[in-house]
Amino acid sequence: MNEEKIQLTPNDIYEHQFKLDVKGYSPQEVDKFLDIIISDYAEYSASLSRYKNEIKALMEENASLRNEIRNLKSTLSVAENNKGVTNVDILRRLGELEKIVYGEDHK
């Protein structure tokens, strides 16, 4: 339900005055019924506010989880690309890099 479509607040209902007519309704009965409507309307407004807060919290949690999934996929991709690389391979590559950087005679 869109907030722009809501025309009355609980206070609007409470403060509304009906014109009395000779053949009109019982003011006490109208007041009693309007009290029920006001109570329901106030509860509806409070529920709507709670749901909006829940939606906001869930959207933030969703964004956080999506970010975590993105990071985990990236980590998994790196791990899959390095699949089959052992410590021996890494040490060999490191040794080759040392030779290039420091020269063949450095040890």
PDB file of N, CA and C in Angstrom:
ATOM      1  N   MET A   1       0.850  -1.182   0.000  1.00  0.00           N
ATOM      2  CA  MET A   1       0.000   0.000   0.000  1.00  0.00           C
ATOM      3  C   MET A   1       0.890   1.238   0.000  1.00  0.00           C
ATOM      4  N   ASN A   2       0.532   2.184  -0.808  1.00  0.00           N
ATOM      5  CA  ASN A   2       1.323   3.392  -0.966  1.00  0.00           C
ATOM      6  C   ASN A   2       0.881   4.452   0.030  1.00  0.00           C
ATOM      7  N   GLU A   3       1.854   5.099   0.692  1.00  0.00           N
ATOM      8  CA  GLU A   3       1.522   6.092   1.719  1.00  0.00           C
ATOM      9  C   GLU A   3       0.738   7.273   1.166  1.00  0.00           C
ATOM     10  N   GLU A   4       0.957   7.624  -0.093  1.00  0.00           N
ATOM     11  CA  GLU A   4       0.248   8.766  -0.681  1.00  0.00           C
ATOM     12  C   GLU A   4      -1.255   8.493  -0.805  1.00  0.00           C
ATOM     13  N   LYS A   5      -1.654   7.235  -0.816  1.00  0.00           N
ATOM     14  CA  LYS A   5      -3.068   6.885  -0.944  1.00  0.00           C
ATOM     15  C   LYS A   5      -3.803   6.913   0.392  1.00  0.00           C
ATOM     16  N   ILE A   6      -3.070   6.948   1.493  1.00  0.00           N
ATOM     17  CA  ILE A   6      -3.697   6.996   2.819  1.00  0.00           C
ATOM     18  C   ILE A   6      -4.143   8.427   3.084  1.00  0.00           C
ATOM     19  N   GLN A   7      -5.426   8.586   3.311  1.00  0.00           N
ATOM     20  CA  GLN A   7      -5.989   9.925   3.462  1.00  0.00           C
ATOM     21  C   GLN A   7      -6.161  10.351   4.907  1.00  0.00           C
ATOM     22  N   LEU A   8      -6.299   9.403   5.821  1.00  0.00           N
ATOM     23  CA  LEU A   8      -6.598   9.741   7.203  1.00  0.00           C
ATOM     24  C   LEU A   8      -5.540   9.193   8.150  1.00  0.00           C
ATOM     25  N   THR A   9      -5.331   9.944   9.227  1.00  0.00           N
ATOM     26  CA  THR A   9      -4.507   9.444  10.323  1.00  0.00           C
ATOM     27  C   THR A   9      -5.456   9.055  11.449  1.00  0.00           C
ATOM     28  N   PRO A  10      -4.975   8.316  12.434  1.00  0.00           N
ATOM     29  CA  PRO A  10      -5.859   8.006  13.569  1.00  0.00           C
ATOM     30  C   PRO A  10      -6.402   9.280  14.223  1.00  0.00           C
ATOM     31  N   ASN A  11      -5.597  10.318  14.274  1.00  0.00           N
ATOM     32  CA  ASN A  11      -6.041  11.580  14.871  1.00  0.00           C
ATOM     33  C   ASN A  11      -7.137  12.246  14.023  1.00  0.00           C
ATOM     34  N   ASP A  12      -7.025  12.156  12.687  1.00  0.00           N
ATOM     35  CA  ASP A  12      -8.073  12.703  11.806  1.00  0.00           C
ATOM     36  C   ASP A  12      -9.423  12.041  12.108  1.00  0.00           C
ATOM     37  N   ILE A  13      -9.394  10.743  12.282  1.00  0.00           N
ATOM     38  CA  ILE A  13     -10.628  10.000  12.575  1.00  0.00           C
ATOM     39  C   ILE A  13     -11.170  10.425  13.941  1.00  0.00           C
ATOM     40  N   TYR A  14     -10.263  10.527  14.902  1.00  0.00           N
ATOM     41  CA  TYR A  14     -10.660  10.876  16.267  1.00  0.00           C
ATOM     42  C   TYR A  14     -11.317  12.253  16.324  1.00  0.00           C
ATOM     43  N   GLU A  15     -10.774  13.218  15.610  1.00  0.00           N
ATOM     44  CA  GLU A  15     -11.249  14.603  15.714  1.00  0.00           C
ATOM     45  C   GLU A  15     -12.386  14.940  14.745  1.00  0.00           C
ATOM     46  N   HIS A  16     -12.757  14.013  13.879  1.00  0.00           N
ATOM     47  CA  HIS A  16     -13.836  14.305  12.923  1.00  0.00           C
ATOM     48  C   HIS A  16     -15.173  14.454  13.655  1.00  0.00           C
ATOM     49  N   GLN A  17     -15.889  15.513  13.296  1.00  0.00           N
ATOM     50  CA  GLN A  17     -17.200  15.774  13.904  1.00  0.00           C
ATOM     51  C   GLN A  17     -18.283  15.530  12.850  1.00  0.00           C
ATOM     52  N   PHE A  18     -19.271  14.723  13.227  1.00  0.00           N
ATOM     53  CA  PHE A  18     -20.402  14.457  12.345  1.00  0.00           C
ATOM     54  C   PHE A  18     -21.513  15.456  12.641  1.00  0.00           C
ATOM     55  N   LYS A  19     -22.230  15.817  11.595  1.00  0.00           N
ATOM     56  CA  LYS A  19     -23.390  16.690  11.781  1.00  0.00           C
ATOM     57  C   LYS A  19     -24.530  15.862  12.365  1.00  0.00           C
ATOM     58  N   LEU A  20     -25.232  16.439  13.312  1.00  0.00           N
ATOM     59  CA  LEU A  20     -26.367  15.753  13.912  1.00  0.00           C
ATOM     60  C   LEU A  20     -27.621  16.049  13.098  1.00  0.00           C
ATOM     61  N   ASP A  21     -28.400  15.035  12.935  1.00  0.00           N
ATOM     62  CA  ASP A  21     -29.643  15.138  12.186  1.00  0.00           C
ATOM     63  C   ASP A  21     -30.743  14.516  13.047  1.00  0.00           C
ATOM     64  N   VAL A  22     -31.943  14.924  12.803  1.00  0.00           N
ATOM     65  CA  VAL A  22     -33.065  14.396  13.581  1.00  0.00           C
ATOM     66  C   VAL A  22     -33.159  12.879  13.420  1.00  0.00           C
ATOM     67  N   LYS A  23     -32.914  12.400  12.235  1.00  0.00           N
ATOM     68  CA  LYS A  23     -32.981  10.963  11.988  1.00  0.00           C
ATOM     69  C   LYS A  23     -31.572  10.355  11.949  1.00  0.00           C
ATOM     70  N   GLY A  24     -30.616  10.971  12.607  1.00  0.00           N
ATOM     71  CA  GLY A  24     -29.223  10.525  12.550  1.00  0.00           C
ATOM     72  C   GLY A  24     -28.947   9.301  13.407  1.00  0.00           C
ATOM     73  N   TYR A  25     -27.717   8.877  13.343  1.00  0.00           N
ATOM     74  CA  TYR A  25     -27.273   7.721  14.114  1.00  0.00           C
ATOM     75  C   TYR A  25     -27.026   8.117  15.564  1.00  0.00           C
ATOM     76  N   SER A  26     -26.960   7.130  16.411  1.00  0.00           N
ATOM     77  CA  SER A  26     -26.661   7.354  17.823  1.00  0.00           C
ATOM     78  C   SER A  26     -25.207   7.813  17.956  1.00  0.00           C
ATOM     79  N   PRO A  27     -24.974   9.003  18.520  1.00  0.00           N
ATOM     80  CA  PRO A  27     -23.593   9.489  18.657  1.00  0.00           C
ATOM     81  C   PRO A  27     -22.703   8.532  19.460  1.00  0.00           C
ATOM     82  N   GLN A  28     -23.265   7.894  20.490  1.00  0.00           N
ATOM     83  CA  GLN A  28     -22.477   6.963  21.289  1.00  0.00           C
ATOM     84  C   GLN A  28     -22.039   5.745  20.460  1.00  0.00           C
ATOM     85  N   GLU A  29     -22.941   5.253  19.633  1.00  0.00           N
ATOM     86  CA  GLU A  29     -22.619   4.092  18.798  1.00  0.00           C
ATOM     87  C   GLU A  29     -21.563   4.454  17.749  1.00  0.00           C
ATOM     88  N   VAL A  30     -21.707   5.637  17.163  1.00  0.00           N
ATOM     89  CA  VAL A  30     -20.722   6.102  16.181  1.00  0.00           C
ATOM     90  C   VAL A  30     -19.364   6.272  16.846  1.00  0.00           C
ATOM     91  N   ASP A  31     -19.340   6.892  18.023  1.00  0.00           N
ATOM     92  CA  ASP A  31     -18.078   7.107  18.743  1.00  0.00           C
ATOM     93  C   ASP A  31     -17.417   5.776  19.102  1.00  0.00           C
ATOM     94  N   LYS A  32     -18.211   4.825  19.558  1.00  0.00           N
ATOM     95  CA  LYS A  32     -17.666   3.512  19.923  1.00  0.00           C
ATOM     96  C   LYS A  32     -17.059   2.822  18.702  1.00  0.00           C
ATOM     97  N   PHE A  33     -17.760   2.879  17.591  1.00  0.00           N
ATOM     98  CA  PHE A  33     -17.253   2.255  16.366  1.00  0.00           C
ATOM     99  C   PHE A  33     -15.988   2.962  15.874  1.00  0.00           C
ATOM    100  N   LEU A  34     -15.995   4.298  15.923  1.00  0.00           N
ATOM    101  CA  LEU A  34     -14.812   5.051  15.493  1.00  0.00           C
ATOM    102  C   LEU A  34     -13.608   4.771  16.401  1.00  0.00           C
ATOM    103  N   ASP A  35     -13.841   4.544  17.694  1.00  0.00           N
ATOM    104  CA  ASP A  35     -12.745   4.184  18.598  1.00  0.00           C
ATOM    105  C   ASP A  35     -12.088   2.877  18.155  1.00  0.00           C
ATOM    106  N   ILE A  36     -12.897   1.930  17.722  1.00  0.00           N
ATOM    107  CA  ILE A  36     -12.361   0.656  17.222  1.00  0.00           C
ATOM    108  C   ILE A  36     -11.548   0.898  15.940  1.00  0.00           C
ATOM    109  N   ILE A  37     -12.087   1.715  15.058  1.00  0.00           N
ATOM    110  CA  ILE A  37     -11.386   2.030  13.807  1.00  0.00           C
ATOM    111  C   ILE A  37     -10.052   2.719  14.104  1.00  0.00           C
ATOM    112  N   ILE A  38     -10.063   3.672  15.022  1.00  0.00           N
ATOM    113  CA  ILE A  38      -8.835   4.397  15.387  1.00  0.00           C
ATOM    114  C   ILE A  38      -7.794   3.421  15.925  1.00  0.00           C
ATOM    115  N   SER A  39      -8.216   2.519  16.788  1.00  0.00           N
ATOM    116  CA  SER A  39      -7.302   1.540  17.371  1.00  0.00           C
ATOM    117  C   SER A  39      -6.704   0.642  16.287  1.00  0.00           C
ATOM    118  N   ASP A  40      -7.560   0.158  15.402  1.00  0.00           N
ATOM    119  CA  ASP A  40      -7.076  -0.684  14.304  1.00  0.00           C
ATOM    120  C   ASP A  40      -6.138   0.092  13.384  1.00  0.00           C
ATOM    121  N   TYR A  41      -6.483   1.300  13.079  1.00  0.00           N
ATOM    122  CA  TYR A  41      -5.689   2.138  12.183  1.00  0.00           C
ATOM    123  C   TYR A  41      -4.322   2.426  12.799  1.00  0.00           C
ATOM    124  N   ALA A  42      -4.292   2.705  14.111  1.00  0.00           N
ATOM    125  CA  ALA A  42      -3.023   2.950  14.802  1.00  0.00           C
ATOM    126  C   ALA A  42      -2.157   1.691  14.778  1.00  0.00           C
ATOM    127  N   GLU A  43      -2.760   0.533  15.007  1.00  0.00           N
ATOM    128  CA  GLU A  43      -2.016  -0.732  14.958  1.00  0.00           C
ATOM    129  C   GLU A  43      -1.485  -0.993  13.557  1.00  0.00           C
ATOM    130  N   TYR A  44      -2.303  -0.703  12.555  1.00  0.00           N
ATOM    131  CA  TYR A  44      -1.874  -0.855  11.166  1.00  0.00           C
ATOM    132  C   TYR A  44      -0.657   0.042  10.879  1.00  0.00           C
ATOM    133  N   SER A  45      -0.706   1.282  11.313  1.00  0.00           N
ATOM    134  CA  SER A  45       0.401   2.216  11.096  1.00  0.00           C
ATOM    135  C   SER A  45       1.672   1.738  11.786  1.00  0.00           C
ATOM    136  N   ALA A  46       1.529   1.239  13.012  1.00  0.00           N
ATOM    137  CA  ALA A  46       2.687   0.729  13.754  1.00  0.00           C
ATOM    138  C   ALA A  46       3.265  -0.504  13.063  1.00  0.00           C
ATOM    139  N   SER A  47       2.386  -1.385  12.584  1.00  0.00           N
ATOM    140  CA  SER A  47       2.850  -2.579  11.870  1.00  0.00           C
ATOM    141  C   SER A  47       3.583  -2.200  10.595  1.00  0.00           C
ATOM    142  N   LEU A  48       3.049  -1.251   9.881  1.00  0.00           N
ATOM    143  CA  LEU A  48       3.673  -0.797   8.643  1.00  0.00           C
ATOM    144  C   LEU A  48       5.068  -0.241   8.918  1.00  0.00           C
ATOM    145  N   SER A  49       5.199   0.514   9.979  1.00  0.00           N
ATOM    146  CA  SER A  49       6.498   1.071  10.359  1.00  0.00           C
ATOM    147  C   SER A  49       7.490  -0.042  10.710  1.00  0.00           C
ATOM    148  N   ARG A  50       7.026  -1.036  11.471  1.00  0.00           N
ATOM    149  CA  ARG A  50       7.894  -2.172  11.836  1.00  0.00           C
ATOM    150  C   ARG A  50       8.334  -2.924  10.585  1.00  0.00           C
ATOM    151  N   TYR A  51       7.408  -3.150   9.663  1.00  0.00           N
ATOM    152  CA  TYR A  51       7.742  -3.884   8.439  1.00  0.00           C
ATOM    153  C   TYR A  51       8.745  -3.119   7.583  1.00  0.00           C
ATOM    154  N   LYS A  52       8.606  -1.809   7.526  1.00  0.00           N
ATOM    155  CA  LYS A  52       9.565  -1.001   6.773  1.00  0.00           C
ATOM    156  C   LYS A  52      10.960  -1.128   7.377  1.00  0.00           C
ATOM    157  N   ASN A  53      11.047  -1.113   8.708  1.00  0.00           N
ATOM    158  CA  ASN A  53      12.339  -1.270   9.375  1.00  0.00           C
ATOM    159  C   ASN A  53      12.922  -2.653   9.118  1.00  0.00           C
ATOM    160  N   GLU A  54      12.063  -3.672   9.152  1.00  0.00           N
ATOM    161  CA  GLU A  54      12.522  -5.036   8.869  1.00  0.00           C
ATOM    162  C   GLU A  54      13.032  -5.144   7.432  1.00  0.00           C
ATOM    163  N   ILE A  55      12.306  -4.557   6.496  1.00  0.00           N
ATOM    164  CA  ILE A  55      12.722  -4.590   5.089  1.00  0.00           C
ATOM    165  C   ILE A  55      14.075  -3.918   4.926  1.00  0.00           C
ATOM    166  N   LYS A  56      14.240  -2.772   5.566  1.00  0.00           N
ATOM    167  CA  LYS A  56      15.517  -2.054   5.473  1.00  0.00           C
ATOM    168  C   LYS A  56      16.656  -2.920   6.014  1.00  0.00           C
ATOM    169  N   ALA A  57      16.436  -3.536   7.187  1.00  0.00           N
ATOM    170  CA  ALA A  57      17.472  -4.389   7.791  1.00  0.00           C
ATOM    171  C   ALA A  57      17.775  -5.589   6.902  1.00  0.00           C
ATOM    172  N   LEU A  58      16.746  -6.193   6.326  1.00  0.00           N
ATOM    173  CA  LEU A  58      16.948  -7.348   5.454  1.00  0.00           C
ATOM    174  C   LEU A  58      17.666  -6.961   4.160  1.00  0.00           C
ATOM    175  N   MET A  59      17.359  -5.786   3.640  1.00  0.00           N
ATOM    176  CA  MET A  59      18.049  -5.330   2.427  1.00  0.00           C
ATOM    177  C   MET A  59      19.535  -5.081   2.712  1.00  0.00           C
ATOM    178  N   GLU A  60      19.837  -4.512   3.886  1.00  0.00           N
ATOM    179  CA  GLU A  60      21.234  -4.296   4.264  1.00  0.00           C
ATOM    180  C   GLU A  60      21.952  -5.629   4.448  1.00  0.00           C
ATOM    181  N   GLU A  61      21.282  -6.579   5.091  1.00  0.00           N
ATOM    182  CA  GLU A  61      21.874  -7.907   5.276  1.00  0.00           C
ATOM    183  C   GLU A  61      22.076  -8.594   3.922  1.00  0.00           C
ATOM    184  N   ASN A  62      21.104  -8.450   3.043  1.00  0.00           N
ATOM    185  CA  ASN A  62      21.193  -9.029   1.706  1.00  0.00           C
ATOM    186  C   ASN A  62      22.393  -8.459   0.951  1.00  0.00           C
ATOM    187  N   ALA A  63      22.568  -7.150   1.017  1.00  0.00           N
ATOM    188  CA  ALA A  63      23.704  -6.513   0.332  1.00  0.00           C
ATOM    189  C   ALA A  63      25.022  -7.015   0.918  1.00  0.00           C
ATOM    190  N   SER A  64      25.075  -7.159   2.228  1.00  0.00           N
ATOM    191  CA  SER A  64      26.285  -7.655   2.886  1.00  0.00           C
ATOM    192  C   SER A  64      26.588  -9.086   2.450  1.00  0.00           C
ATOM    193  N   LEU A  65      25.555  -9.921   2.403  1.00  0.00           N
ATOM    194  CA  LEU A  65      25.745 -11.313   1.988  1.00  0.00           C
ATOM    195  C   LEU A  65      26.137 -11.410   0.512  1.00  0.00           C
ATOM    196  N   ARG A  66      25.563 -10.557  -0.320  1.00  0.00           N
ATOM    197  CA  ARG A  66      25.950 -10.550  -1.733  1.00  0.00           C
ATOM    198  C   ARG A  66      27.426 -10.172  -1.882  1.00  0.00           C
ATOM    199  N   ASN A  67      27.867  -9.204  -1.094  1.00  0.00           N
ATOM    200  CA  ASN A  67      29.261  -8.792  -1.127  1.00  0.00           C
ATOM    201  C   ASN A  67      30.163  -9.938  -0.658  1.00  0.00           C
ATOM    202  N   GLU A  68      29.735 -10.628   0.383  1.00  0.00           N
ATOM    203  CA  GLU A  68      30.508 -11.763   0.889  1.00  0.00           C
ATOM    204  C   GLU A  68      30.586 -12.872  -0.168  1.00  0.00           C
ATOM    205  N   ILE A  69      29.485 -13.144  -0.844  1.00  0.00           N
ATOM    206  CA  ILE A  69      29.478 -14.149  -1.912  1.00  0.00           C
ATOM    207  C   ILE A  69      30.436 -13.739  -3.017  1.00  0.00           C
ATOM    208  N   ARG A  70      30.404 -12.462  -3.390  1.00  0.00           N
ATOM    209  CA  ARG A  70      31.297 -11.958  -4.434  1.00  0.00           C
ATOM    210  C   ARG A  70      32.759 -12.176  -4.033  1.00  0.00           C
ATOM    211  N   ASN A  71      33.083 -11.875  -2.770  1.00  0.00           N
ATOM    212  CA  ASN A  71      34.451 -12.067  -2.276  1.00  0.00           C
ATOM    213  C   ASN A  71      34.833 -13.542  -2.260  1.00  0.00           C
ATOM    214  N   LEU A  72      33.909 -14.405  -1.835  1.00  0.00           N
ATOM    215  CA  LEU A  72      34.191 -15.838  -1.798  1.00  0.00           C
ATOM    216  C   LEU A  72      34.373 -16.406  -3.200  1.00  0.00           C
ATOM    217  N   LYS A  73      33.575 -15.939  -4.158  1.00  0.00           N
ATOM    218  CA  LYS A  73      33.739 -16.389  -5.540  1.00  0.00           C
ATOM    219  C   LYS A  73      35.100 -15.972  -6.079  1.00  0.00           C
ATOM    220  N   SER A  74      35.508 -14.762  -5.748  1.00  0.00           N
ATOM    221  CA  SER A  74      36.812 -14.280  -6.180  1.00  0.00           C
ATOM    222  C   SER A  74      37.920 -15.129  -5.581  1.00  0.00           C
ATOM    223  N   THR A  75      37.809 -15.434  -4.295  1.00  0.00           N
ATOM    224  CA  THR A  75      38.800 -16.272  -3.625  1.00  0.00           C
ATOM    225  C   THR A  75      38.820 -17.670  -4.227  1.00  0.00           C
ATOM    226  N   LEU A  76      37.646 -18.197  -4.504  1.00  0.00           N
ATOM    227  CA  LEU A  76      37.538 -19.517  -5.114  1.00  0.00           C
ATOM    228  C   LEU A  76      38.159 -19.519  -6.503  1.00  0.00           C
ATOM    229  N   SER A  77      37.927 -18.461  -7.263  1.00  0.00           N
ATOM    230  CA  SER A  77      38.492 -18.357  -8.602  1.00  0.00           C
ATOM    231  C   SER A  77      40.017 -18.353  -8.551  1.00  0.00           C
ATOM    232  N   VAL A  78      40.572 -17.597  -7.609  1.00  0.00           N
ATOM    233  CA  VAL A  78      42.032 -17.563  -7.446  1.00  0.00           C
ATOM    234  C   VAL A  78      42.545 -18.943  -7.060  1.00  0.00           C
ATOM    235  N   ALA A  79      41.851 -19.605  -6.165  1.00  0.00           N
ATOM    236  CA  ALA A  79      42.259 -20.937  -5.721  1.00  0.00           C
ATOM    237  C   ALA A  79      42.197 -21.935  -6.878  1.00  0.00           C
ATOM    238  N   GLU A  80      41.150 -21.830  -7.704  1.00  0.00           N
ATOM    239  CA  GLU A  80      41.038 -22.734  -8.850  1.00  0.00           C
ATOM    240  C   GLU A  80      42.123 -22.471  -9.876  1.00  0.00           C
ATOM    241  N   ASN A  81      42.490 -21.203 -10.051  1.00  0.00           N
ATOM    242  CA  ASN A  81      43.561 -20.869 -10.993  1.00  0.00           C
ATOM    243  C   ASN A  81      44.907 -21.391 -10.499  1.00  0.00           C
ATOM    244  N   ASN A  82      45.074 -21.471  -9.197  1.00  0.00           N
ATOM    245  CA  ASN A  82      46.320 -21.957  -8.615  1.00  0.00           C
ATOM    246  C   ASN A  82      46.276 -23.455  -8.338  1.00  0.00           C
ATOM    247  N   LYS A  83      45.261 -24.104  -8.830  1.00  0.00           N
ATOM    248  CA  LYS A  83      45.082 -25.538  -8.615  1.00  0.00           C
ATOM    249  C   LYS A  83      46.288 -26.278  -9.185  1.00  0.00           C
ATOM    250  N   GLY A  84      46.797 -27.201  -8.444  1.00  0.00           N
ATOM    251  CA  GLY A  84      47.932 -27.982  -8.908  1.00  0.00           C
ATOM    252  C   GLY A  84      49.271 -27.340  -8.587  1.00  0.00           C
ATOM    253  N   VAL A  85      49.262 -26.120  -8.080  1.00  0.00           N
ATOM    254  CA  VAL A  85      50.501 -25.459  -7.705  1.00  0.00           C
ATOM    255  C   VAL A  85      50.868 -25.942  -6.305  1.00  0.00           C
ATOM    256  N   THR A  86      52.058 -26.490  -6.180  1.00  0.00           N
ATOM    257  CA  THR A  86      52.500 -27.003  -4.889  1.00  0.00           C
ATOM    258  C   THR A  86      53.536 -26.069  -4.289  1.00  0.00           C
ATOM    259  N   ASN A  87      53.908 -26.358  -3.071  1.00  0.00           N
ATOM    260  CA  ASN A  87      54.946 -25.566  -2.418  1.00  0.00           C
ATOM    261  C   ASN A  87      56.264 -25.677  -3.168  1.00  0.00           C
ATOM    262  N   VAL A  88      56.530 -26.839  -3.732  1.00  0.00           N
ATOM    263  CA  VAL A  88      57.761 -27.023  -4.502  1.00  0.00           C
ATOM    264  C   VAL A  88      57.765 -26.089  -5.703  1.00  0.00           C
ATOM    265  N   ASP A  89      56.605 -25.983  -6.392  1.00  0.00           N
ATOM    266  CA  ASP A  89      56.504 -25.080  -7.546  1.00  0.00           C
ATOM    267  C   ASP A  89      56.727 -23.632  -7.113  1.00  0.00           C
ATOM    268  N   ILE A  90      56.166 -23.269  -6.002  1.00  0.00           N
ATOM    269  CA  ILE A  90      56.303 -21.893  -5.512  1.00  0.00           C
ATOM    270  C   ILE A  90      57.756 -21.615  -5.157  1.00  0.00           C
ATOM    271  N   LEU A  91      58.413 -22.547  -4.472  1.00  0.00           N
ATOM    272  CA  LEU A  91      59.826 -22.366  -4.118  1.00  0.00           C
ATOM    273  C   LEU A  91      60.713 -22.288  -5.367  1.00  0.00           C
ATOM    274  N   ARG A  92      60.415 -23.102  -6.379  1.00  0.00           N
ATOM    275  CA  ARG A  92      61.162 -23.052  -7.639  1.00  0.00           C
ATOM    276  C   ARG A  92      60.994 -21.690  -8.302  1.00  0.00           C
ATOM    277  N   ARG A  93      59.768 -21.200  -8.358  1.00  0.00           N
ATOM    278  CA  ARG A  93      59.515 -19.885  -8.961  1.00  0.00           C
ATOM    279  C   ARG A  93      60.211 -18.778  -8.170  1.00  0.00           C
ATOM    280  N   LEU A  94      60.173 -18.883  -6.856  1.00  0.00           N
ATOM    281  CA  LEU A  94      60.839 -17.896  -6.007  1.00  0.00           C
ATOM    282  C   LEU A  94      62.346 -17.904  -6.260  1.00  0.00           C
ATOM    283  N   GLY A  95      62.902 -19.100  -6.403  1.00  0.00           N
ATOM    284  CA  GLY A  95      64.332 -19.217  -6.708  1.00  0.00           C
ATOM    285  C   GLY A  95      64.674 -18.579  -8.037  1.00  0.00           C
ATOM    286  N   GLU A  96      63.815 -18.788  -9.045  1.00  0.00           N
ATOM    287  CA  GLU A  96      64.035 -18.187 -10.360  1.00  0.00           C
ATOM    288  C   GLU A  96      63.960 -16.664 -10.286  1.00  0.00           C
ATOM    289  N   LEU A  97      63.002 -16.157  -9.506  1.00  0.00           N
ATOM    290  CA  LEU A  97      62.880 -14.702  -9.341  1.00  0.00           C
ATOM    291  C   LEU A  97      64.109 -14.123  -8.637  1.00  0.00           C
ATOM    292  N   GLU A  98      64.636 -14.839  -7.635  1.00  0.00           N
ATOM    293  CA  GLU A  98      65.836 -14.368  -6.944  1.00  0.00           C
ATOM    294  C   GLU A  98      67.027 -14.296  -7.902  1.00  0.00           C
ATOM    295  N   LYS A  99      67.116 -15.274  -8.783  1.00  0.00           N
ATOM    296  CA  LYS A  99      68.208 -15.268  -9.769  1.00  0.00           C
ATOM    297  C   LYS A  99      68.093 -14.050 -10.671  1.00  0.00           C
ATOM    298  N   ILE A 100      66.866 -13.723 -11.073  1.00  0.00           N
ATOM    299  CA  ILE A 100      66.655 -12.587 -11.974  1.00  0.00           C
ATOM    300  C   ILE A 100      66.946 -11.284 -11.224  1.00  0.00           C
ATOM    301  N   VAL A 101      66.438 -11.146 -10.019  1.00  0.00           N
ATOM    302  CA  VAL A 101      66.568  -9.916  -9.274  1.00  0.00           C
ATOM    303  C   VAL A 101      67.988  -9.715  -8.764  1.00  0.00           C
ATOM    304  N   TYR A 102      68.568 -10.753  -8.157  1.00  0.00           N
ATOM    305  CA  TYR A 102      69.870 -10.609  -7.512  1.00  0.00           C
ATOM    306  C   TYR A 102      71.040 -11.094  -8.350  1.00  0.00           C
ATOM    307  N   GLY A 103      70.748 -11.741  -9.427  1.00  0.00           N
ATOM    308  CA  GLY A 103      71.811 -12.299 -10.263  1.00  0.00           C
ATOM    309  C   GLY A 103      72.068 -13.754  -9.870  1.00  0.00           C
ATOM    310  N   GLU A 104      72.766 -14.469 -10.754  1.00  0.00           N
ATOM    311  CA  GLU A 104      73.003 -15.895 -10.581  1.00  0.00           C
ATOM    312  C   GLU A 104      73.915 -16.200  -9.385  1.00  0.00           C
ATOM    313  N   ASP A 105      74.820 -15.312  -9.041  1.00  0.00           N
ATOM    314  CA  ASP A 105      75.808 -15.585  -8.016  1.00  0.00           C
ATOM    315  C   ASP A 105      75.309 -15.353  -6.599  1.00  0.00           C
ATOM    316  N   HIS A 106      74.182 -14.709  -6.439  1.00  0.00           N
ATOM    317  CA  HIS A 106      73.676 -14.359  -5.095  1.00  0.00           C
ATOM    318  C   HIS A 106      73.059 -15.568  -4.405  1.00  0.00           C
ATOM    319  N   LYS A 107      73.481 -15.836  -3.172  1.00  0.00           N
ATOM    320  CA  LYS A 107      72.880 -16.902  -2.380  1.00  0.00           C
ATOM    321  C   LYS A 107      73.062 -16.660  -0.940  1.00  0.00           C
TER     322      LYS A 107
END
